[in-house]
Amino acid sequence: MESFFARHKNATILAVVLTAQILGLATQIKRPTESGPVRLIRQWAVALVTPFGRGFVYSEHWVRHAWRDYIYLRGVHHENVELREQIERMRLEQIRMEQDAAQARRIQALLQFKEQYISQTVAAQVIGSSGSETSHLIYIDRGSNEGVEPNMAVITPEGIIGKVLRVYPSTSQVLEITDQTSGVGATLVKSRLQGILKGQPAGNPNLAYIMADESVVPGEDVITSGGDRIFPKGLPIGKVASVSPGRDLFLNVRVTPSANLSRLEEVLVITKITEKEADTKGLGPIRAADILAQRLPSVPDKPAGATPNSATGGAPQTPSSTGAGAPAASTPGAAAAPKPAVNAKPSAPVPGSASGKPVTAGTAASKPAASPTNGAAAKPKATQTQPAKPTVENPKPATSGEDTP
């Protein structure tokens, strides 16, 4: 059996020759394109390889998306559960903070405290700075013509810059917080310790007058306290950079300013500060008793069956003397419980004296007299009726242990 090439030998040779000629012509022929003339054989090769390359790229994209959207999402469920728990905790914290803020506004309104708000500012550009390392001054292009006055605060959205030192018609000189002659009232956010931020000849400013026994943590935020009456309360100053022991029982607290004072271009000058009272609309009562009732613990109720004593306002108990049967004065609103004498001899009852004097020891009565309950003082009767003996008028008080008939 002859092979296929043996039977079609002439046609095979002709096809090979034609293919070689076509390839030769494709190598010689150039077609114009946007990037320049390109050989025809190159275009054919690109057209032949492009489907395979496109299929490989599509396969790679499919595998990548499948890994990212399905296989990699196996750990996302656990992450979503943790995020949900964190959101719930943050919601509870938000509710607590809202309640604390509402209570703070009520207390602020009760004590008639006022808050300071920045109501008007003037934007200015920095046009120059001092040429000394120990003096930190900048110049801005706003002056008295725009309403700028000395001791006005200069700030940026990142933090405070300083205060206006001198004012000219069209320019002003600003003293930065890093200058050694500056001072700003500052407060630590977490510990609420207050001090004065003072500039240093070189380096970051120092928060002075913090006692050495206080705990200051590096990284704690520092804000304005409003005590200098220049900067409103609550503006950011910076963060605590380092804490070290200082002189005179004070800490040496270095503060890194929030604003980059070496690369200032635009600043804001606070030209007007408005004082407003706290908005108590919808906050409920603002009485001191209502505010304290929300924080102070309540007095527990008195348990049932408790016996009142002298400490809680009840009737005082009358101690019984050994061998003495003297009548005790009753307290209004409470009946005194009578007690027999301890060393009383068994004898006939002795009537009380008309003058109200107590009976001497050893002659106690066999049964005590009932105390009055109408709130009046107890008064002994002048004449008492005995069930077994006749009535004796004005008996003399007993002077011995013998019974008097």
Protein backbone atom coordinates (compact mmCIF):
# COMPACT_ATOMS: atom_id res chain seq x y z
CA MET A 1 0.00 0.00 0.00
CA GLU A 2 1.49 3.25 -1.12
CA SER A 3 1.73 6.12 1.25
CA PHE A 4 -0.15 9.39 0.91
CA PHE A 5 2.94 11.39 -0.03
CA ALA A 6 3.96 8.78 -2.61
CA ARG A 7 0.63 8.94 -4.33
CA HIS A 8 0.45 12.77 -4.20
CA LYS A 9 4.09 13.50 -4.70
CA ASN A 10 3.66 16.13 -7.40
CA ALA A 11 0.89 17.98 -5.61
CA THR A 12 2.90 18.00 -2.37
CA ILE A 13 5.95 19.46 -4.06
CA LEU A 14 3.81 22.09 -5.77
CA ALA A 15 2.20 23.09 -2.46
CA VAL A 16 5.59 23.38 -0.76
CA VAL A 17 6.95 25.55 -3.56
CA LEU A 18 3.91 27.82 -3.53
CA THR A 19 4.11 28.19 0.25
CA ALA A 20 7.77 29.12 0.04
CA GLN A 21 7.05 31.70 -2.63
CA ILE A 22 4.18 33.19 -0.63
CA LEU A 23 6.37 33.44 2.47
CA GLY A 24 9.11 35.05 0.43
CA LEU A 25 6.70 37.60 -0.98
CA ALA A 26 5.25 38.26 2.53
CA THR A 27 8.76 38.90 3.79
CA GLN A 28 9.44 41.43 1.07
CA ILE A 29 6.09 43.21 1.02
CA LYS A 30 5.54 46.00 3.58
CA ARG A 31 2.20 47.52 4.47
CA PRO A 32 1.82 51.05 5.85
CA THR A 33 0.44 51.46 9.40
CA GLU A 34 0.09 54.29 11.92
CA SER A 35 3.39 53.39 13.53
CA GLY A 36 5.20 52.92 10.23
CA PRO A 37 5.58 50.24 7.50
CA VAL A 38 5.27 46.65 8.74
CA ARG A 39 6.15 43.49 6.86
CA LEU A 40 3.25 41.31 5.83
CA ILE A 41 4.79 38.20 7.34
CA ARG A 42 4.85 39.94 10.72
CA GLN A 43 1.19 40.80 10.53
CA TRP A 44 0.38 37.19 9.65
CA ALA A 45 2.44 35.92 12.55
CA VAL A 46 0.73 38.30 14.97
CA ALA A 47 -2.70 37.30 13.68
CA LEU A 48 -1.77 33.64 14.11
CA VAL A 49 -0.43 33.96 17.67
CA THR A 50 -3.03 36.47 18.98
CA PRO A 51 -5.87 33.94 19.63
CA PHE A 52 -3.60 31.73 21.72
CA GLY A 53 -2.28 34.67 23.70
CA ARG A 54 -5.78 36.01 24.26
CA GLY A 55 -6.96 32.66 25.51
CA PHE A 56 -4.02 32.43 27.91
CA VAL A 57 -4.72 35.93 29.27
CA TYR A 58 -8.41 35.18 29.72
CA SER A 59 -7.58 31.97 31.56
CA GLU A 60 -5.19 33.80 33.85
CA HIS A 61 -7.82 36.47 34.64
CA TRP A 62 -10.44 33.81 35.31
CA VAL A 63 -8.17 31.96 37.74
CA ARG A 64 -7.27 35.20 39.50
CA HIS A 65 -10.87 36.31 39.91
CA ALA A 66 -11.90 32.84 41.07
CA TRP A 67 -9.20 32.90 43.74
CA ARG A 68 -10.02 36.40 44.87
CA ASP A 69 -13.81 36.10 44.78
CA TYR A 70 -14.33 32.55 46.05
CA ILE A 71 -11.34 30.77 47.55
CA TYR A 72 -9.90 33.83 49.29
CA LEU A 73 -13.35 34.67 50.74
CA ARG A 74 -13.23 31.67 53.03
CA GLY A 75 -11.68 33.82 55.78
CA VAL A 76 -13.89 36.83 55.13
CA HIS A 77 -16.84 35.36 57.07
CA HIS A 78 -14.85 35.30 60.29
CA GLU A 79 -13.70 38.85 59.64
CA ASN A 80 -17.30 39.97 59.06
CA VAL A 81 -18.37 38.45 62.39
CA GLU A 82 -15.62 40.35 64.20
CA LEU A 83 -16.57 43.55 62.43
CA ARG A 84 -20.22 43.14 63.42
CA GLU A 85 -19.24 42.66 67.07
CA GLN A 86 -17.03 45.72 66.88
CA ILE A 87 -19.87 47.75 65.38
CA GLU A 88 -22.19 46.71 68.20
CA ARG A 89 -19.62 47.70 70.80
CA MET A 90 -19.12 51.03 69.07
CA ARG A 91 -22.88 51.62 69.04
CA LEU A 92 -23.09 51.01 72.79
CA GLU A 93 -20.12 53.30 73.32
CA GLN A 94 -21.77 55.94 71.16
CA ILE A 95 -24.97 55.75 73.20
CA ARG A 96 -23.00 56.13 76.43
CA MET A 97 -21.04 59.06 75.03
CA GLU A 98 -24.24 60.74 73.87
CA GLN A 99 -25.71 60.39 77.35
CA ASP A 100 -22.54 61.77 78.93
CA ALA A 101 -22.51 64.66 76.47
CA ALA A 102 -26.15 65.46 77.22
CA GLN A 103 -25.45 65.36 80.93
CA ALA A 104 -22.41 67.62 80.46
CA ARG A 105 -24.54 70.14 78.59
CA ARG A 106 -27.15 70.07 81.35
CA ILE A 107 -24.49 70.65 83.99
CA GLN A 108 -22.99 73.38 81.86
CA ALA A 109 -26.35 75.09 81.57
CA LEU A 110 -27.00 74.64 85.29
CA LEU A 111 -23.68 76.27 86.20
CA GLN A 112 -24.13 78.91 83.51
CA PHE A 113 -20.91 78.02 81.73
CA LYS A 114 -20.39 79.38 78.24
CA GLU A 115 -18.63 77.85 75.27
CA GLN A 116 -16.38 79.73 72.87
CA TYR A 117 -17.02 79.36 69.15
CA ILE A 118 -14.93 80.64 66.26
CA SER A 119 -17.37 82.82 64.37
CA GLN A 120 -15.08 84.75 62.00
CA THR A 121 -11.64 84.14 60.48
CA VAL A 122 -9.41 85.79 57.90
CA ALA A 123 -7.31 83.70 55.52
CA ALA A 124 -3.71 84.84 55.07
CA GLN A 125 -0.60 83.71 53.26
CA VAL A 126 2.84 83.42 54.82
CA ILE A 127 5.17 85.85 53.07
CA GLY A 128 8.26 85.57 55.24
CA SER A 129 9.90 84.21 58.38
CA SER A 130 12.62 85.20 60.84
CA GLY A 131 16.19 84.44 59.89
CA SER A 132 17.25 83.28 63.38
CA GLU A 133 17.03 79.79 64.84
CA THR A 134 16.22 81.06 68.33
CA SER A 135 13.46 83.42 67.16
CA HIS A 136 10.43 81.82 65.54
CA LEU A 137 8.43 84.52 63.76
CA ILE A 138 6.49 84.56 60.51
CA TYR A 139 4.92 87.37 58.49
CA ILE A 140 1.49 87.21 56.86
CA ASP A 141 -0.12 89.41 54.20
CA ARG A 142 -3.01 90.59 56.38
CA GLY A 143 -2.96 93.59 58.68
CA SER A 144 -5.08 96.26 60.29
CA ASN A 145 -6.80 97.00 57.00
CA GLU A 146 -8.42 93.53 57.18
CA GLY A 147 -9.31 93.79 60.88
CA VAL A 148 -6.28 91.98 62.31
CA GLU A 149 -5.30 93.05 65.83
CA PRO A 150 -2.55 92.03 68.26
CA ASN A 151 -3.04 88.88 70.38
CA MET A 152 -5.32 87.26 67.82
CA ALA A 153 -4.93 83.50 67.41
CA VAL A 154 -3.42 82.09 64.22
CA ILE A 155 -4.35 78.51 63.38
CA THR A 156 -4.47 75.90 60.62
CA PRO A 157 -6.79 72.89 60.24
CA GLU A 158 -3.99 70.70 61.66
CA GLY A 159 -3.37 72.76 64.79
CA ILE A 160 -2.51 76.15 66.27
CA ILE A 161 0.40 78.24 64.96
CA GLY A 162 0.76 81.18 67.32
CA LYS A 163 -0.58 84.64 68.02
CA VAL A 164 -0.34 88.01 66.28
CA LEU A 165 2.50 89.99 67.81
CA ARG A 166 2.63 93.21 65.79
CA VAL A 167 0.21 94.61 63.24
CA TYR A 168 0.94 96.85 60.27
CA PRO A 169 -1.50 98.24 57.70
CA SER A 170 -1.06 95.38 55.22
CA THR A 171 1.10 92.84 57.07
CA SER A 172 1.36 91.28 60.52
CA GLN A 173 4.01 89.57 62.58
CA VAL A 174 3.07 86.24 64.16
CA LEU A 175 4.83 84.71 67.17
CA GLU A 176 4.89 80.91 66.83
CA ILE A 177 4.28 78.54 69.73
CA THR A 178 7.86 77.24 69.41
CA ASP A 179 9.34 80.63 70.29
CA GLN A 180 10.90 80.79 73.75
CA THR A 181 8.87 83.91 74.66
CA SER A 182 5.49 82.36 73.83
CA GLY A 183 3.05 80.66 76.18
CA VAL A 184 -0.17 78.76 75.55
CA GLY A 185 -2.58 77.25 78.06
CA ALA A 186 -2.67 73.51 77.34
CA THR A 187 -4.51 70.43 78.60
CA LEU A 188 -3.71 66.74 78.26
CA VAL A 189 -6.73 64.99 76.76
CA LYS A 190 -6.72 61.73 78.75
CA SER A 191 -5.34 62.76 82.15
CA ARG A 192 -6.89 66.29 81.96
CA LEU A 193 -3.73 67.79 83.45
CA GLN A 194 -3.20 71.45 82.68
CA GLY A 195 0.01 73.30 82.08
CA ILE A 196 1.61 76.03 80.01
CA LEU A 197 3.18 75.26 76.65
CA LYS A 198 6.45 77.15 76.39
CA GLY A 199 8.76 77.34 73.40
CA GLN A 200 12.39 76.31 73.55
CA PRO A 201 15.45 77.88 71.88
CA ALA A 202 15.85 74.73 69.81
CA GLY A 203 13.52 71.80 69.39
CA ASN A 204 9.95 71.09 70.33
CA PRO A 205 8.07 73.16 72.95
CA ASN A 206 7.80 72.02 76.55
CA LEU A 207 4.63 71.57 78.61
CA ALA A 208 5.58 73.11 81.94
CA TYR A 209 4.15 72.86 85.48
CA ILE A 210 3.20 69.18 85.39
CA MET A 211 3.97 67.60 88.78
CA ALA A 212 6.47 64.76 88.89
CA ASP A 213 4.04 62.37 90.60
CA GLU A 214 1.58 62.59 87.68
CA SER A 215 1.40 59.92 84.97
CA VAL A 216 1.91 61.27 81.44
CA VAL A 217 2.12 58.79 78.56
CA PRO A 218 3.97 59.58 75.30
CA GLY A 219 1.59 59.90 72.39
CA GLU A 220 -1.17 61.58 74.42
CA ASP A 221 -2.95 64.41 72.63
CA VAL A 222 -2.54 67.99 73.84
CA ILE A 223 -5.23 70.63 73.25
CA THR A 224 -5.75 74.24 74.24
CA SER A 225 -7.31 74.87 77.65
CA GLY A 226 -8.67 78.36 76.89
CA GLY A 227 -7.10 79.78 80.04
CA ASP A 228 -4.90 82.23 78.13
CA ARG A 229 -8.01 83.94 76.68
CA ILE A 230 -6.39 83.93 73.22
CA PHE A 231 -6.97 80.43 71.85
CA PRO A 232 -10.45 78.91 72.20
CA LYS A 233 -10.70 75.76 74.24
CA GLY A 234 -10.26 72.41 72.48
CA LEU A 235 -8.01 73.32 69.53
CA PRO A 236 -5.31 70.71 68.75
CA ILE A 237 -1.75 71.55 69.72
CA GLY A 238 0.16 68.31 69.24
CA LYS A 239 1.19 65.06 70.89
CA VAL A 240 3.47 64.21 73.79
CA ALA A 241 6.84 63.20 72.34
CA SER A 242 8.78 62.32 75.49
CA VAL A 243 8.51 62.54 79.28
CA SER A 244 11.50 62.88 81.62
CA PRO A 245 12.11 64.14 85.17
CA GLY A 246 12.73 67.87 85.34
CA ARG A 247 13.68 70.40 87.97
CA ASP A 248 11.72 71.61 91.00
CA LEU A 249 9.49 68.50 91.22
CA PHE A 250 8.10 69.02 87.71
CA LEU A 251 8.15 66.80 84.63
CA ASN A 252 9.88 67.71 81.41
CA VAL A 253 7.15 67.01 78.84
CA ARG A 254 8.15 67.53 75.22
CA VAL A 255 5.33 68.17 72.74
CA THR A 256 5.46 67.70 68.97
CA PRO A 257 3.21 70.30 67.26
CA SER A 258 0.47 68.93 65.02
CA ALA A 259 1.05 71.58 62.37
CA ASN A 260 4.26 71.61 60.38
CA LEU A 261 5.58 75.03 61.37
CA SER A 262 8.53 74.87 58.98
CA ARG A 263 6.34 74.55 55.86
CA LEU A 264 3.53 77.02 56.34
CA GLU A 265 1.85 78.57 53.34
CA GLU A 266 -1.74 79.46 54.33
CA VAL A 267 -3.06 80.21 57.82
CA LEU A 268 -6.26 81.46 59.43
CA VAL A 269 -6.47 84.43 61.79
CA ILE A 270 -9.33 84.25 64.31
CA THR A 271 -10.81 87.75 64.32
CA LYS A 272 -13.97 87.06 66.32
CA ILE A 273 -14.91 84.59 69.05
CA THR A 274 -18.52 84.20 70.15
CA GLU A 275 -19.53 82.93 73.59
CA LYS A 276 -22.72 80.90 73.63
CA GLU A 277 -24.55 78.97 76.29
CA ALA A 278 -25.03 75.26 75.95
CA ASP A 279 -27.99 74.13 73.87
CA THR A 280 -30.25 72.20 76.26
CA LYS A 281 -33.12 71.65 73.87
CA GLY A 282 -34.42 68.11 74.23
CA LEU A 283 -32.03 67.24 77.07
CA GLY A 284 -34.67 66.97 79.80
CA PRO A 285 -34.57 68.58 83.26
CA ILE A 286 -31.54 70.57 84.27
CA ARG A 287 -32.13 70.71 88.03
CA ALA A 288 -29.21 69.77 90.22
CA ALA A 289 -31.25 67.14 92.06
CA ASP A 290 -32.23 65.42 88.81
CA ILE A 291 -28.65 65.42 87.55
CA LEU A 292 -27.25 64.04 90.80
CA ALA A 293 -29.99 61.42 90.97
CA GLN A 294 -28.72 59.93 87.72
CA ARG A 295 -25.21 59.40 89.09
CA LEU A 296 -25.46 58.99 92.87
CA PRO A 297 -26.55 55.63 94.31
CA SER A 298 -30.02 55.52 95.83
CA VAL A 299 -30.69 54.86 99.53
CA PRO A 300 -31.76 51.22 100.03
CA ASP A 301 -35.23 50.60 101.39
CA LYS A 302 -35.57 49.55 105.07
CA PRO A 303 -36.18 45.81 105.36
CA ALA A 304 -39.50 44.68 106.73
CA GLY A 305 -39.66 43.83 110.43
CA ALA A 306 -36.74 46.02 111.42
CA THR A 307 -36.94 47.39 114.98
CA PRO A 308 -36.39 51.13 115.25
CA ASN A 309 -33.75 52.25 117.68
CA SER A 310 -32.41 55.56 118.89
CA ALA A 311 -30.11 55.85 115.83
CA THR A 312 -32.98 55.62 113.34
CA GLY A 313 -35.42 57.87 115.15
CA GLY A 314 -37.32 55.19 117.13
CA ALA A 315 -38.24 55.28 120.81
CA PRO A 316 -35.24 55.12 123.15
CA GLN A 317 -35.05 52.09 125.39
CA THR A 318 -34.99 52.73 129.16
CA PRO A 319 -32.43 50.55 130.92
CA SER A 320 -33.70 48.82 134.05
CA SER A 321 -31.64 49.36 137.19
CA THR A 322 -30.89 46.44 139.42
CA GLY A 323 -33.28 46.47 142.32
CA ALA A 324 -35.02 49.73 141.28
CA GLY A 325 -38.53 49.87 139.95
CA ALA A 326 -38.72 53.56 138.99
CA PRO A 327 -41.28 54.50 136.37
CA ALA A 328 -39.76 55.63 133.07
CA ALA A 329 -40.93 58.59 130.99
CA SER A 330 -42.55 57.49 127.76
CA THR A 331 -41.69 58.78 124.29
CA PRO A 332 -44.51 60.22 122.18
CA GLY A 333 -45.83 57.81 119.65
CA ALA A 334 -44.32 54.67 121.23
CA ALA A 335 -45.43 52.64 124.26
CA ALA A 336 -42.70 51.75 126.73
CA ALA A 337 -42.39 48.06 127.43
CA PRO A 338 -42.59 47.55 131.25
CA LYS A 339 -40.06 45.27 132.86
CA PRO A 340 -40.29 43.83 136.41
CA ALA A 341 -37.49 44.49 138.85
CA VAL A 342 -34.76 41.89 138.99
CA ASN A 343 -34.23 41.71 142.77
CA ALA A 344 -37.78 42.53 143.89
CA LYS A 345 -38.96 40.65 146.98
CA PRO A 346 -42.36 38.94 146.81
CA SER A 347 -44.61 41.23 148.77
CA ALA A 348 -47.78 43.22 148.50
CA PRO A 349 -47.87 45.95 145.90
CA VAL A 350 -46.70 49.33 147.11
CA PRO A 351 -48.49 52.43 145.91
CA GLY A 352 -46.44 55.12 144.25
CA SER A 353 -45.64 58.29 146.12
CA ALA A 354 -47.63 61.43 145.52
CA SER A 355 -44.56 63.54 144.92
CA GLY A 356 -43.35 61.32 142.06
CA LYS A 357 -40.15 60.19 143.90
CA PRO A 358 -38.84 56.76 142.99
CA VAL A 359 -39.02 53.87 145.44
CA THR A 360 -35.74 52.85 147.07
CA ALA A 361 -33.90 49.68 146.13
CA GLY A 362 -35.39 46.42 147.28
CA THR A 363 -38.99 47.62 147.32
CA ALA A 364 -40.03 47.23 143.70
CA ALA A 365 -43.68 46.73 142.81
CA SER A 366 -44.91 43.39 141.66
CA LYS A 367 -46.50 44.81 138.53
CA PRO A 368 -45.47 48.01 136.76
CA ALA A 369 -47.77 50.87 135.92
CA ALA A 370 -48.85 51.35 132.31
CA SER A 371 -47.29 54.30 130.47
CA PRO A 372 -49.54 56.88 128.86
CA THR A 373 -49.71 56.85 125.07
CA ASN A 374 -51.11 60.31 124.40
CA GLY A 375 -47.66 61.96 124.15
CA ALA A 376 -47.88 63.74 127.60
CA ALA A 377 -45.28 63.32 130.31
CA ALA A 378 -45.94 60.50 132.76
CA LYS A 379 -47.26 61.74 136.14
CA PRO A 380 -47.77 59.40 139.09
CA LYS A 381 -51.20 59.47 140.74
CA ALA A 382 -51.53 60.75 144.29
CA THR A 383 -53.87 57.93 145.32
CA GLN A 384 -53.86 54.40 143.95
CA THR A 385 -56.48 51.79 144.63
CA GLN A 386 -55.27 48.38 145.76
CA PRO A 387 -57.47 45.38 145.12
CA ALA A 388 -56.91 43.75 148.52
CA LYS A 389 -56.23 46.62 150.97
CA PRO A 390 -58.03 49.88 151.69
CA THR A 391 -56.88 53.09 150.11
CA VAL A 392 -54.15 54.91 151.99
CA GLU A 393 -53.99 58.65 151.47
CA ASN A 394 -50.62 60.38 151.30
CA PRO A 395 -48.48 57.38 152.20
CA LYS A 396 -44.93 58.02 153.21
CA PRO A 397 -42.23 56.69 150.91
CA ALA A 398 -40.62 53.50 152.05
CA THR A 399 -37.23 53.94 153.67
CA SER A 400 -36.30 50.30 154.16
CA GLY A 401 -36.79 46.91 152.63
CA GLU A 402 -40.05 46.32 154.65
CA ASP A 403 -43.42 46.76 153.01
CA THR A 404 -45.57 49.65 154.24
CA PRO A 405 -49.26 48.71 154.89
